[in-house]
C-alpha atoms as a PDB file:
ATOM      1  CA  MET A   1      98.200 178.574  59.609  1.00  0.00           C
ATOM      2  CA  LEU A   2      94.769 177.597  58.248  1.00  0.00           C
ATOM      3  CA  ASN A   3      96.316 174.799  56.225  1.00  0.00           C
ATOM      4  CA  PHE A   4      98.005 173.534  59.387  1.00  0.00           C
ATOM      5  CA  TYR A   5      94.723 173.444  61.336  1.00  0.00           C
ATOM      6  CA  ALA A   6      92.931 171.833  58.404  1.00  0.00           C
ATOM      7  CA  LYS A   7      95.555 169.078  58.217  1.00  0.00           C
ATOM      8  CA  TYR A   8      95.341 168.651  61.996  1.00  0.00           C
ATOM      9  CA  VAL A   9      91.541 168.234  61.864  1.00  0.00           C
ATOM     10  CA  ILE A  10      91.785 165.744  59.002  1.00  0.00           C
ATOM     11  CA  LEU A  11      94.451 163.767  60.904  1.00  0.00           C
ATOM     12  CA  ILE A  12      92.272 163.601  64.033  1.00  0.00           C
ATOM     13  CA  GLN A  13      89.288 162.398  61.981  1.00  0.00           C
ATOM     14  CA  VAL A  14      91.377 159.699  60.275  1.00  0.00           C
ATOM     15  CA  LEU A  15      92.746 158.523  63.612  1.00  0.00           C
ATOM     16  CA  SER A  16      89.285 158.431  65.180  1.00  0.00           C
ATOM     17  CA  LEU A  17      87.973 156.368  62.265  1.00  0.00           C
ATOM     18  CA  ASN A  18      90.862 153.905  62.605  1.00  0.00           C
ATOM     19  CA  ILE A  19      90.307 153.635  66.356  1.00  0.00           C
ATOM     20  CA  LYS A  20      86.616 152.912  65.782  1.00  0.00           C
ATOM     21  CA  LYS A  21      87.518 150.208  63.268  1.00  0.00           C
ATOM     22  CA  ILE A  22      89.958 148.630  65.710  1.00  0.00           C
ATOM     23  CA  GLU A  23      87.405 148.757  68.523  1.00  0.00           C
ATOM     24  CA  SER A  24      84.770 147.151  66.325  1.00  0.00           C
ATOM     25  CA  ARG A  25      87.183 144.374  65.340  1.00  0.00           C
ATOM     26  CA  VAL A  26      88.181 143.775  68.944  1.00  0.00           C
ATOM     27  CA  SER A  27      84.552 143.673  70.072  1.00  0.00           C
ATOM     28  CA  MET A  28      83.709 141.278  67.250  1.00  0.00           C
ATOM     29  CA  ASN A  29      86.678 139.046  68.101  1.00  0.00           C
ATOM     30  CA  PHE A  30      85.638 139.166  71.737  1.00  0.00           C
ATOM     31  CA  PHE A  31      82.496 137.248  70.813  1.00  0.00           C
ATOM     32  CA  LEU A  32      83.449 135.515  67.571  1.00  0.00           C
ATOM     33  CA  PHE A  33      86.361 133.457  68.904  1.00  0.00           C
ATOM     34  CA  LEU A  34      84.149 131.635  71.428  1.00  0.00           C
ATOM     35  CA  PRO A  35      82.244 129.175  69.179  1.00  0.00           C
ATOM     36  CA  LYS A  36      85.466 127.868  67.682  1.00  0.00           C
ATOM     37  CA  TYR A  37      87.643 127.812  70.794  1.00  0.00           C
ATOM     38  CA  LEU A  38      85.100 127.147  73.558  1.00  0.00           C
ATOM     39  CA  PRO A  39      86.049 123.422  73.705  1.00  0.00           C
ATOM     40  CA  TYR A  40      89.529 124.466  74.883  1.00  0.00           C
ATOM     41  CA  PHE A  41      87.918 125.947  77.986  1.00  0.00           C
ATOM     42  CA  ASN A  42      85.335 123.185  78.509  1.00  0.00           C
ATOM     43  CA  TYR A  43      87.724 120.267  78.185  1.00  0.00           C
ATOM     44  CA  GLY A  44      90.448 122.223  79.986  1.00  0.00           C
ATOM     45  CA  ALA A  45      88.076 122.576  82.933  1.00  0.00           C
ATOM     46  CA  VAL A  46      87.414 118.818  82.806  1.00  0.00           C
ATOM     47  CA  VAL A  47      91.157 118.086  82.972  1.00  0.00           C
ATOM     48  CA  THR A  48      91.530 120.566  85.851  1.00  0.00           C
ATOM     49  CA  ILE A  49      88.746 118.851  87.815  1.00  0.00           C
ATOM     50  CA  ILE A  50      90.249 115.404  87.175  1.00  0.00           C
ATOM     51  CA  ILE A  51      93.651 116.619  88.375  1.00  0.00           C
ATOM     52  CA  SER A  52      92.107 118.196  91.485  1.00  0.00           C
ATOM     53  CA  ILE A  53      90.130 115.074  92.435  1.00  0.00           C
ATOM     54  CA  LEU A  54      93.182 112.816  92.083  1.00  0.00           C
ATOM     55  CA  VAL A  55      95.403 115.229  94.008  1.00  0.00           C
ATOM     56  CA  VAL A  56      92.939 115.624  96.883  1.00  0.00           C
ATOM     57  CA  PHE A  57      92.471 111.840  97.095  1.00  0.00           C
ATOM     58  CA  LEU A  58      96.192 111.036  97.073  1.00  0.00           C
ATOM     59  CA  GLY A  59      97.085 114.047  99.214  1.00  0.00           C
ATOM     60  CA  THR A  60      94.525 113.067 101.852  1.00  0.00           C
ATOM     61  CA  ILE A  61      95.901 109.524 102.112  1.00  0.00           C
ATOM     62  CA  LEU A  62      99.454 110.848 102.360  1.00  0.00           C
ATOM     63  CA  GLY A  63      98.413 113.538 104.834  1.00  0.00           C
ATOM     64  CA  VAL A  64      96.751 111.004 107.175  1.00  0.00           C
ATOM     65  CA  LEU A  65      99.857 108.792 107.091  1.00  0.00           C
ATOM     66  CA  LEU A  66     102.109 111.771 107.831  1.00  0.00           C
ATOM     67  CA  ALA A  67      99.864 112.918 110.693  1.00  0.00           C
ATOM     68  CA  PHE A  68     100.075 109.511 112.356  1.00  0.00           C
ATOM     69  CA  ALA A  69     103.824 109.387 111.669  1.00  0.00           C
ATOM     70  CA  GLN A  70     104.196 112.671 113.544  1.00  0.00           C
ATOM     71  CA  ARG A  71     102.384 111.150 116.521  1.00  0.00           C
ATOM     72  CA  SER A  72     104.420 107.952 116.333  1.00  0.00           C
ATOM     73  CA  LYS A  73     106.645 106.916 119.217  1.00  0.00           C
ATOM     74  CA  ILE A  74     109.222 105.768 116.679  1.00  0.00           C
ATOM     75  CA  LYS A  75     111.463 108.820 116.616  1.00  0.00           C
ATOM     76  CA  PRO A  76     113.042 108.331 113.132  1.00  0.00           C
ATOM     77  CA  LEU A  77     109.540 108.074 111.643  1.00  0.00           C
ATOM     78  CA  ALA A  78     108.401 111.233 113.425  1.00  0.00           C
ATOM     79  CA  TRP A  79     111.586 113.061 112.359  1.00  0.00           C
ATOM     80  CA  PHE A  80     111.055 112.024 108.738  1.00  0.00           C
ATOM     81  CA  ALA A  81     107.446 113.249 108.798  1.00  0.00           C
ATOM     82  CA  ASN A  82     108.451 116.593 110.326  1.00  0.00           C
ATOM     83  CA  LEU A  83     111.293 117.003 107.801  1.00  0.00           C
ATOM     84  CA  TYR A  84     108.964 116.163 104.907  1.00  0.00           C
ATOM     85  CA  ILE A  85     106.372 118.699 106.032  1.00  0.00           C
ATOM     86  CA  TRP A  86     109.039 121.343 106.641  1.00  0.00           C
ATOM     87  CA  VAL A  87     110.490 120.952 103.120  1.00  0.00           C
ATOM     88  CA  PHE A  88     107.214 120.872 101.198  1.00  0.00           C
ATOM     89  CA  ARG A  89     105.603 123.700 103.132  1.00  0.00           C
ATOM     90  CA  GLY A  90     108.727 125.836 102.991  1.00  0.00           C
ATOM     91  CA  THR A  91     109.400 125.757  99.241  1.00  0.00           C
ATOM     92  CA  PRO A  92     107.270 127.148  96.368  1.00  0.00           C
ATOM     93  CA  MET A  93     105.068 124.685  94.525  1.00  0.00           C
ATOM     94  CA  MET A  94     106.365 125.923  91.175  1.00  0.00           C
ATOM     95  CA  VAL A  95     109.920 124.987  92.211  1.00  0.00           C
ATOM     96  CA  GLN A  96     108.726 121.559  93.336  1.00  0.00           C
ATOM     97  CA  ILE A  97     106.934 120.986  90.016  1.00  0.00           C
ATOM     98  CA  MET A  98     109.973 121.899  87.934  1.00  0.00           C
ATOM     99  CA  ILE A  99     112.312 119.726  90.032  1.00  0.00           C
ATOM    100  CA  ALA A 100     109.906 116.774  89.912  1.00  0.00           C
ATOM    101  CA  PHE A 101     109.527 117.047  86.137  1.00  0.00           C
ATOM    102  CA  ALA A 102     113.315 117.125  85.752  1.00  0.00           C
ATOM    103  CA  LEU A 103     113.802 114.064  87.974  1.00  0.00           C
ATOM    104  CA  MET A 104     110.858 111.884  86.912  1.00  0.00           C
ATOM    105  CA  HIS A 105     111.324 110.257  83.524  1.00  0.00           C
ATOM    106  CA  ILE A 106     108.059 108.432  82.919  1.00  0.00           C
ATOM    107  CA  SER A 107     107.233 106.692  79.656  1.00  0.00           C
ATOM    108  CA  ALA A 108     103.498 107.097  79.146  1.00  0.00           C
ATOM    109  CA  PRO A 109     101.174 107.665  76.181  1.00  0.00           C
ATOM    110  CA  THR A 110      99.258 110.776  75.227  1.00  0.00           C
ATOM    111  CA  ILE A 111      95.509 110.534  75.769  1.00  0.00           C
ATOM    112  CA  GLN A 112      92.755 112.478  74.060  1.00  0.00           C
ATOM    113  CA  ILE A 113      90.257 114.373  76.222  1.00  0.00           C
ATOM    114  CA  GLY A 114      87.919 116.100  73.799  1.00  0.00           C
ATOM    115  CA  ILE A 115      90.115 118.202  71.521  1.00  0.00           C
ATOM    116  CA  LEU A 116      92.984 118.316  74.020  1.00  0.00           C
ATOM    117  CA  ASP A 117      96.047 116.065  73.812  1.00  0.00           C
ATOM    118  CA  VAL A 118      97.061 115.327  77.402  1.00  0.00           C
ATOM    119  CA  ASP A 119     100.630 114.021  77.665  1.00  0.00           C
ATOM    120  CA  LEU A 120     100.770 111.592  80.593  1.00  0.00           C
ATOM    121  CA  THR A 121     104.554 111.898  80.777  1.00  0.00           C
ATOM    122  CA  ARG A 122     103.927 115.447  81.956  1.00  0.00           C
ATOM    123  CA  LEU A 123     100.628 114.932  83.774  1.00  0.00           C
ATOM    124  CA  ILE A 124     101.698 112.057  86.044  1.00  0.00           C
ATOM    125  CA  PRO A 125     104.739 113.836  87.558  1.00  0.00           C
ATOM    126  CA  GLY A 126     102.581 116.930  88.025  1.00  0.00           C
ATOM    127  CA  ILE A 127      99.878 115.017  89.891  1.00  0.00           C
ATOM    128  CA  ILE A 128     102.468 113.215  92.025  1.00  0.00           C
ATOM    129  CA  ILE A 129     104.296 116.351  93.137  1.00  0.00           C
ATOM    130  CA  ILE A 130     101.143 118.383  93.833  1.00  0.00           C
ATOM    131  CA  SER A 131      99.791 115.422  95.827  1.00  0.00           C
ATOM    132  CA  MET A 132     103.011 115.347  97.837  1.00  0.00           C
ATOM    133  CA  ASN A 133     102.697 119.077  98.461  1.00  0.00           C
ATOM    134  CA  SER A 134      99.033 118.750  99.404  1.00  0.00           C
ATOM    135  CA  GLY A 135      99.843 115.870 101.762  1.00  0.00           C
ATOM    136  CA  ALA A 136     102.117 118.133 103.783  1.00  0.00           C
ATOM    137  CA  TYR A 137      99.280 120.607 104.355  1.00  0.00           C
ATOM    138  CA  VAL A 138      96.622 117.944 104.900  1.00  0.00           C
ATOM    139  CA  SER A 139      98.793 116.309 107.566  1.00  0.00           C
ATOM    140  CA  GLU A 140      98.709 119.514 109.603  1.00  0.00           C
ATOM    141  CA  THR A 141      94.924 119.662 109.146  1.00  0.00           C
ATOM    142  CA  VAL A 142      94.528 116.064 110.339  1.00  0.00           C
ATOM    143  CA  ARG A 143      96.869 116.626 113.283  1.00  0.00           C
ATOM    144  CA  ALA A 144      94.958 119.761 114.317  1.00  0.00           C
ATOM    145  CA  GLY A 145      91.629 117.914 113.966  1.00  0.00           C
ATOM    146  CA  ILE A 146      92.812 115.101 116.230  1.00  0.00           C
ATOM    147  CA  ASN A 147      94.257 117.519 118.784  1.00  0.00           C
ATOM    148  CA  ALA A 148      90.950 119.419 118.828  1.00  0.00           C
ATOM    149  CA  VAL A 149      89.192 116.400 120.362  1.00  0.00           C
ATOM    150  CA  PRO A 150      89.163 116.801 124.152  1.00  0.00           C
ATOM    151  CA  LYS A 151      91.735 114.603 125.909  1.00  0.00           C
ATOM    152  CA  GLY A 152      89.025 113.432 128.274  1.00  0.00           C
ATOM    153  CA  GLN A 153      87.531 111.386 125.431  1.00  0.00           C
ATOM    154  CA  LEU A 154      90.705 109.337 125.141  1.00  0.00           C
ATOM    155  CA  GLU A 155      91.027 108.964 128.900  1.00  0.00           C
ATOM    156  CA  ALA A 156      87.411 107.796 129.136  1.00  0.00           C
ATOM    157  CA  ALA A 157      88.077 105.202 126.413  1.00  0.00           C
ATOM    158  CA  TYR A 158      91.125 103.922 128.306  1.00  0.00           C
ATOM    159  CA  SER A 159      89.143 103.728 131.531  1.00  0.00           C
ATOM    160  CA  LEU A 160      86.611 101.497 129.766  1.00  0.00           C
ATOM    161  CA  GLY A 161      89.377  99.120 128.788  1.00  0.00           C
ATOM    162  CA  ILE A 162      89.521 100.116 125.122  1.00  0.00           C
ATOM    163  CA  ARG A 163      92.934  99.600 123.542  1.00  0.00           C
ATOM    164  CA  PRO A 164      94.761 102.684 122.182  1.00  0.00           C
ATOM    165  CA  LYS A 165      94.356 101.652 118.537  1.00  0.00           C
ATOM    166  CA  ASN A 166      90.634 101.014 118.941  1.00  0.00           C
ATOM    167  CA  ALA A 167      90.230 104.215 120.951  1.00  0.00           C
ATOM    168  CA  MET A 168      91.780 106.206 118.113  1.00  0.00           C
ATOM    169  CA  ARG A 169      89.698 104.384 115.510  1.00  0.00           C
ATOM    170  CA  TYR A 170      86.284 104.368 117.182  1.00  0.00           C
ATOM    171  CA  VAL A 171      86.397 107.341 119.564  1.00  0.00           C
ATOM    172  CA  ILE A 172      88.838 110.020 118.393  1.00  0.00           C
ATOM    173  CA  LEU A 173      88.739 109.804 114.584  1.00  0.00           C
ATOM    174  CA  PRO A 174      84.920 109.984 114.197  1.00  0.00           C
ATOM    175  CA  GLN A 175      84.968 113.256 116.156  1.00  0.00           C
ATOM    176  CA  ALA A 176      88.086 114.563 114.412  1.00  0.00           C
ATOM    177  CA  ILE A 177      86.561 114.002 110.956  1.00  0.00           C
ATOM    178  CA  LYS A 178      84.014 116.746 111.654  1.00  0.00           C
ATOM    179  CA  ASN A 179      86.902 119.164 112.093  1.00  0.00           C
ATOM    180  CA  ILE A 180      88.899 117.825 109.152  1.00  0.00           C
ATOM    181  CA  LEU A 181      86.307 117.631 106.351  1.00  0.00           C
ATOM    182  CA  PRO A 182      85.659 121.405 105.972  1.00  0.00           C
ATOM    183  CA  ALA A 183      89.411 122.004 105.734  1.00  0.00           C
ATOM    184  CA  LEU A 184      89.678 119.302 103.058  1.00  0.00           C
ATOM    185  CA  GLY A 185      87.005 121.151 101.092  1.00  0.00           C
ATOM    186  CA  ASN A 186      89.119 124.293 101.247  1.00  0.00           C
ATOM    187  CA  GLU A 187      92.121 122.249 100.108  1.00  0.00           C
ATOM    188  CA  PHE A 188      90.099 121.087  97.091  1.00  0.00           C
ATOM    189  CA  ILE A 189      89.387 124.719  96.171  1.00  0.00           C
ATOM    190  CA  THR A 190      93.081 125.580  96.549  1.00  0.00           C
ATOM    191  CA  ILE A 191      94.154 122.666  94.351  1.00  0.00           C
ATOM    192  CA  ILE A 192      91.781 123.736  91.558  1.00  0.00           C
ATOM    193  CA  LYS A 193      93.588 127.079  91.413  1.00  0.00           C
ATOM    194  CA  ASP A 194      97.087 125.709  91.962  1.00  0.00           C
ATOM    195  CA  SER A 195      96.672 123.125  89.173  1.00  0.00           C
ATOM    196  CA  SER A 196      97.223 125.995  86.724  1.00  0.00           C
ATOM    197  CA  LEU A 197     100.924 125.825  87.693  1.00  0.00           C
ATOM    198  CA  LEU A 198     101.171 122.563  85.741  1.00  0.00           C
ATOM    199  CA  SER A 199     100.994 124.603  82.548  1.00  0.00           C
ATOM    200  CA  ALA A 200     104.669 125.393  83.235  1.00  0.00           C
ATOM    201  CA  ILE A 201     105.571 121.799  82.293  1.00  0.00           C
ATOM    202  CA  GLY A 202     103.147 121.637  79.371  1.00  0.00           C
ATOM    203  CA  VAL A 203     100.122 119.935  80.955  1.00  0.00           C
ATOM    204  CA  MET A 204      97.104 120.841  78.844  1.00  0.00           C
ATOM    205  CA  GLU A 205      94.611 121.957  81.487  1.00  0.00           C
ATOM    206  CA  LEU A 206      92.338 125.012  81.676  1.00  0.00           C
ATOM    207  CA  TRP A 207      95.007 127.704  81.942  1.00  0.00           C
ATOM    208  CA  ASN A 208      97.219 126.146  79.264  1.00  0.00           C
ATOM    209  CA  GLY A 209      94.180 125.890  76.989  1.00  0.00           C
ATOM    210  CA  ALA A 210      93.428 129.573  77.566  1.00  0.00           C
ATOM    211  CA  THR A 211      96.998 130.622  76.732  1.00  0.00           C
ATOM    212  CA  THR A 212      96.854 128.454  73.590  1.00  0.00           C
ATOM    213  CA  VAL A 213      93.695 130.267  72.488  1.00  0.00           C
ATOM    214  CA  SER A 214      95.327 133.605  73.314  1.00  0.00           C
ATOM    215  CA  THR A 215      98.367 132.950  71.132  1.00  0.00           C
ATOM    216  CA  THR A 216      96.257 131.495  68.300  1.00  0.00           C
ATOM    217  CA  THR A 217      93.762 134.362  68.149  1.00  0.00           C
ATOM    218  CA  TYR A 218      96.255 137.142  69.006  1.00  0.00           C
ATOM    219  CA  LEU A 219      93.918 138.219  71.812  1.00  0.00           C
ATOM    220  CA  PRO A 220      96.132 138.820  74.851  1.00  0.00           C
ATOM    221  CA  LEU A 221      93.405 139.379  77.433  1.00  0.00           C
ATOM    222  CA  THR A 222      89.986 137.966  76.518  1.00  0.00           C
ATOM    223  CA  PRO A 223      90.798 134.207  76.660  1.00  0.00           C
ATOM    224  CA  LEU A 224      92.516 134.705  79.997  1.00  0.00           C
ATOM    225  CA  LEU A 225      89.450 136.481  81.365  1.00  0.00           C
ATOM    226  CA  PHE A 226      87.294 133.551  80.267  1.00  0.00           C
ATOM    227  CA  ALA A 227      89.675 131.146  82.028  1.00  0.00           C
ATOM    228  CA  ALA A 228      89.428 133.255  85.187  1.00  0.00           C
ATOM    229  CA  PHE A 229      85.633 133.092  84.856  1.00  0.00           C
ATOM    230  CA  TYR A 230      85.759 129.289  84.639  1.00  0.00           C
ATOM    231  CA  TYR A 231      87.973 129.092  87.740  1.00  0.00           C
ATOM    232  CA  LEU A 232      85.593 131.423  89.566  1.00  0.00           C
ATOM    233  CA  ILE A 233      82.572 129.301  88.661  1.00  0.00           C
ATOM    234  CA  MET A 234      84.226 126.056  89.805  1.00  0.00           C
ATOM    235  CA  THR A 235      85.474 127.463  93.105  1.00  0.00           C
ATOM    236  CA  SER A 236      82.164 129.229  93.788  1.00  0.00           C
ATOM    237  CA  ILE A 237      80.179 126.009  93.326  1.00  0.00           C
ATOM    238  CA  LEU A 238      82.530 124.185  95.688  1.00  0.00           C
ATOM    239  CA  THR A 239      82.343 127.014  98.220  1.00  0.00           C
ATOM    240  CA  LEU A 240      78.529 126.897  98.237  1.00  0.00           C
ATOM    241  CA  ALA A 241      78.560 123.107  98.559  1.00  0.00           C
ATOM    242  CA  LEU A 242      81.061 123.357 101.395  1.00  0.00           C
ATOM    243  CA  LYS A 243      78.935 125.930 103.250  1.00  0.00           C
ATOM    244  CA  ALA A 244      75.823 123.768 102.845  1.00  0.00           C
ATOM    245  CA  PHE A 245      77.754 120.775 104.201  1.00  0.00           C
ATOM    246  CA  GLU A 246      79.023 122.766 107.185  1.00  0.00           C
ATOM    247  CA  ASN A 247      75.508 124.020 107.959  1.00  0.00           C
ATOM    248  CA  ARG A 248      74.180 120.474 107.820  1.00  0.00           C
ATOM    249  CA  MET A 249      76.907 119.283 110.174  1.00  0.00           C
ATOM    250  CA  GLY A 250      76.136 122.203 112.500  1.00  0.00           C
ATOM    251  CA  GLN A 251      72.463 121.254 112.599  1.00  0.00           C
ATOM    252  CA  GLY A 252      73.441 117.675 113.408  1.00  0.00           C
ATOM    253  CA  ASP A 253      75.541 118.864 116.358  1.00  0.00           C
ATOM    254  CA  LYS A 254      72.650 120.960 117.692  1.00  0.00           C
ATOM    255  CA  LYS A 255      70.354 117.955 117.633  1.00  0.00           C
END
């Protein structure tokens, strides 16, 4: 019996020593992998920001066109806009990305951004399809912003002899922009997070860089936590900038 307890105590001590060694290695790897692999996160964040800016720009243009198409008196154009919005808002973005990548065969070079090789044959279809998805949501934002302007403004413009096109351009849109811009800021924040879905088709952005570091270093969690931290920093900065912009617009309205 004593021999059994002695062996048990020795086994527990050996296991505790091994656990301490593993913990020390993990804690060392937690910090030691950063100097070597930090560029994957830095340049991945740069690619993510570039993707987001392009998507918001293209999506805004498409969204404005769709919003006016919905208001068009040409019924086929309005039907097409409503069908487009229905399809892109009703299907998952991941499905749209995979279908777009399968259908779009683009011959484009691979560019170097820092240490990352960004394949444009994968990046361009990804930007196009996310922009098309974003346009469907932006169109609803633009439509709601225009509808939020009191109808009396348009009637007053007509009573002054202003043509409908000029009334929309000089009277309605300047007021609607105040309602639209904050929502576009929120769309920018959403796109930064949703751009991580492009890793499914091999686009080397922040999330794909983090998973590459994870598989290279055999650390399943730490690189992903750092990627989450980068996303949090980017979205937090945009959120603060958006709040400051909204406060400034609110002060302008009070004046």
